[in-house]
Each structure stands twice: as C-alpha cells, then as structure tokens.
Amino acid sequence: MRKNSPPHSGRSHEEIALLLADARNNERLRCAGVISGRLEALAAFIATQRLEWCDVAELLLQEARHIDNQAQELH
C-alpha cells in the first residue's frame, strides 16, 4: 500500500493543469455562445420592432444587469 498517494490517479501536475485549462476554455466557449445567441436575439427584436435608440439603450442596460446578476449568483 502506498503512503500519501496523490488523489489524481498518477497524473502529473502539468497534465492536471492542462485538463483544467481545457475545461476553463470549454466553459468560456460555452458562455460566449450563450451571449452571442442572446445578442442575436436582441438584435432581431430591435430590428423587427424598429425600436428608437433610447429604447435600444434601455434594452441593452437591462440585459447587462441580467448578465451581472447571473454572474453574481455564481460567486
């Protein structure tokens, strides 16, 4: 029986760092896709409703607040 065996199944620190970096990058890509899709939906809504600039600004502020609130919930 090995004493003080690492809980990472014999992987090196470099391998673990690469796995973590890959996971972070995948999460960033997922988040970017979500935000991109939301911006496309907002743009379509703005175009179809022919919103005035002040309404567009308010819509963007609301979306920014929504994103901020979601980020705060994660922390």
C-alpha atoms as a PDB file:
ATOM      1  CA  MET A   1       0.000   0.000   0.000  1.00  0.00           C
ATOM      2  CA  ARG A   2       1.374   3.392  -0.994  1.00  0.00           C
ATOM      3  CA  LYS A   3       1.523   6.125   1.582  1.00  0.00           C
ATOM      4  CA  ASN A   4       0.421   9.624   0.673  1.00  0.00           C
ATOM      5  CA  SER A   5      -0.648   8.596  -2.799  1.00  0.00           C
ATOM      6  CA  PRO A   6      -1.995  11.556  -4.764  1.00  0.00           C
ATOM      7  CA  PRO A   7      -5.757  11.585  -5.354  1.00  0.00           C
ATOM      8  CA  HIS A   8      -5.289  12.320  -9.062  1.00  0.00           C
ATOM      9  CA  SER A   9      -4.629   8.770 -10.275  1.00  0.00           C
ATOM     10  CA  GLY A  10      -0.954   9.276 -11.034  1.00  0.00           C
ATOM     11  CA  ARG A  11      -1.374  12.276 -13.331  1.00  0.00           C
ATOM     12  CA  SER A  12       1.346  14.864 -13.273  1.00  0.00           C
ATOM     13  CA  HIS A  13       0.751  18.442 -12.180  1.00  0.00           C
ATOM     14  CA  GLU A  14       1.263  19.519 -15.780  1.00  0.00           C
ATOM     15  CA  GLU A  15      -1.414  17.112 -17.022  1.00  0.00           C
ATOM     16  CA  ILE A  16      -3.853  18.340 -14.388  1.00  0.00           C
ATOM     17  CA  ALA A  17      -3.077  21.966 -15.282  1.00  0.00           C
ATOM     18  CA  LEU A  18      -3.746  21.204 -18.956  1.00  0.00           C
ATOM     19  CA  LEU A  19      -7.047  19.478 -18.112  1.00  0.00           C
ATOM     20  CA  LEU A  20      -8.122  22.449 -16.008  1.00  0.00           C
ATOM     21  CA  ALA A  21      -7.135  24.914 -18.728  1.00  0.00           C
ATOM     22  CA  ASP A  22      -9.081  22.883 -21.282  1.00  0.00           C
ATOM     23  CA  ALA A  23     -12.144  22.814 -19.024  1.00  0.00           C
ATOM     24  CA  ARG A  24     -11.920  26.580 -18.495  1.00  0.00           C
ATOM     25  CA  ASN A  25     -11.618  27.198 -22.227  1.00  0.00           C
ATOM     26  CA  ASN A  26     -14.610  24.961 -22.933  1.00  0.00           C
ATOM     27  CA  GLU A  27     -16.669  26.873 -20.369  1.00  0.00           C
ATOM     28  CA  ARG A  28     -15.591  30.207 -21.877  1.00  0.00           C
ATOM     29  CA  LEU A  29     -16.617  28.983 -25.330  1.00  0.00           C
ATOM     30  CA  ARG A  30     -19.989  27.865 -23.973  1.00  0.00           C
ATOM     31  CA  CYS A  31     -20.557  31.228 -22.276  1.00  0.00           C
ATOM     32  CA  ALA A  32     -19.531  33.120 -25.403  1.00  0.00           C
ATOM     33  CA  GLY A  33     -22.017  31.068 -27.418  1.00  0.00           C
ATOM     34  CA  VAL A  34     -24.816  31.838 -24.965  1.00  0.00           C
ATOM     35  CA  ILE A  35     -24.068  35.567 -25.004  1.00  0.00           C
ATOM     36  CA  SER A  36     -23.697  35.613 -28.783  1.00  0.00           C
ATOM     37  CA  GLY A  37     -27.072  33.939 -29.175  1.00  0.00           C
ATOM     38  CA  ARG A  38     -28.681  36.388 -26.766  1.00  0.00           C
ATOM     39  CA  LEU A  39     -27.209  39.373 -28.653  1.00  0.00           C
ATOM     40  CA  GLU A  40     -28.505  37.966 -31.937  1.00  0.00           C
ATOM     41  CA  ALA A  41     -31.980  37.608 -30.421  1.00  0.00           C
ATOM     42  CA  LEU A  42     -31.834  41.179 -29.101  1.00  0.00           C
ATOM     43  CA  ALA A  43     -30.719  42.486 -32.495  1.00  0.00           C
ATOM     44  CA  ALA A  44     -33.580  40.668 -34.217  1.00  0.00           C
ATOM     45  CA  PHE A  45     -36.067  42.049 -31.682  1.00  0.00           C
ATOM     46  CA  ILE A  46     -34.710  45.588 -32.125  1.00  0.00           C
ATOM     47  CA  ALA A  47     -34.931  45.302 -35.917  1.00  0.00           C
ATOM     48  CA  THR A  48     -38.415  43.790 -36.049  1.00  0.00           C
ATOM     49  CA  GLN A  49     -39.812  46.252 -33.521  1.00  0.00           C
ATOM     50  CA  ARG A  50     -37.932  49.170 -35.100  1.00  0.00           C
ATOM     51  CA  LEU A  51     -37.022  50.469 -31.664  1.00  0.00           C
ATOM     52  CA  GLU A  52     -35.821  54.008 -31.096  1.00  0.00           C
ATOM     53  CA  TRP A  53     -32.252  54.478 -29.869  1.00  0.00           C
ATOM     54  CA  CYS A  54     -33.345  55.275 -26.289  1.00  0.00           C
ATOM     55  CA  ASP A  55     -35.387  52.045 -26.155  1.00  0.00           C
ATOM     56  CA  VAL A  56     -32.431  50.103 -27.542  1.00  0.00           C
ATOM     57  CA  ALA A  57     -30.173  51.622 -24.883  1.00  0.00           C
ATOM     58  CA  GLU A  58     -32.635  50.663 -22.134  1.00  0.00           C
ATOM     59  CA  LEU A  59     -32.928  47.117 -23.509  1.00  0.00           C
ATOM     60  CA  LEU A  60     -29.134  46.759 -23.531  1.00  0.00           C
ATOM     61  CA  LEU A  61     -28.889  48.084 -19.962  1.00  0.00           C
ATOM     62  CA  GLN A  62     -31.483  45.566 -18.825  1.00  0.00           C
ATOM     63  CA  GLU A  63     -29.561  42.763 -20.498  1.00  0.00           C
ATOM     64  CA  ALA A  64     -26.289  43.926 -18.905  1.00  0.00           C
ATOM     65  CA  ARG A  65     -27.963  43.907 -15.471  1.00  0.00           C
ATOM     66  CA  HIS A  66     -29.326  40.433 -16.147  1.00  0.00           C
ATOM     67  CA  ILE A  67     -25.845  39.155 -17.060  1.00  0.00           C
ATOM     68  CA  ASP A  68     -24.343  40.829 -13.960  1.00  0.00           C
ATOM     69  CA  ASN A  69     -26.982  39.241 -11.723  1.00  0.00           C
ATOM     70  CA  GLN A  70     -26.283  35.813 -13.190  1.00  0.00           C
ATOM     71  CA  ALA A  71     -22.552  36.265 -12.620  1.00  0.00           C
ATOM     72  CA  GLN A  72     -23.100  37.308  -9.005  1.00  0.00           C
ATOM     73  CA  GLU A  73     -25.236  34.233  -8.383  1.00  0.00           C
ATOM     74  CA  LEU A  74     -22.266  32.072  -9.379  1.00  0.00           C
ATOM     75  CA  HIS A  75     -19.988  33.652  -6.760  1.00  0.00           C
END
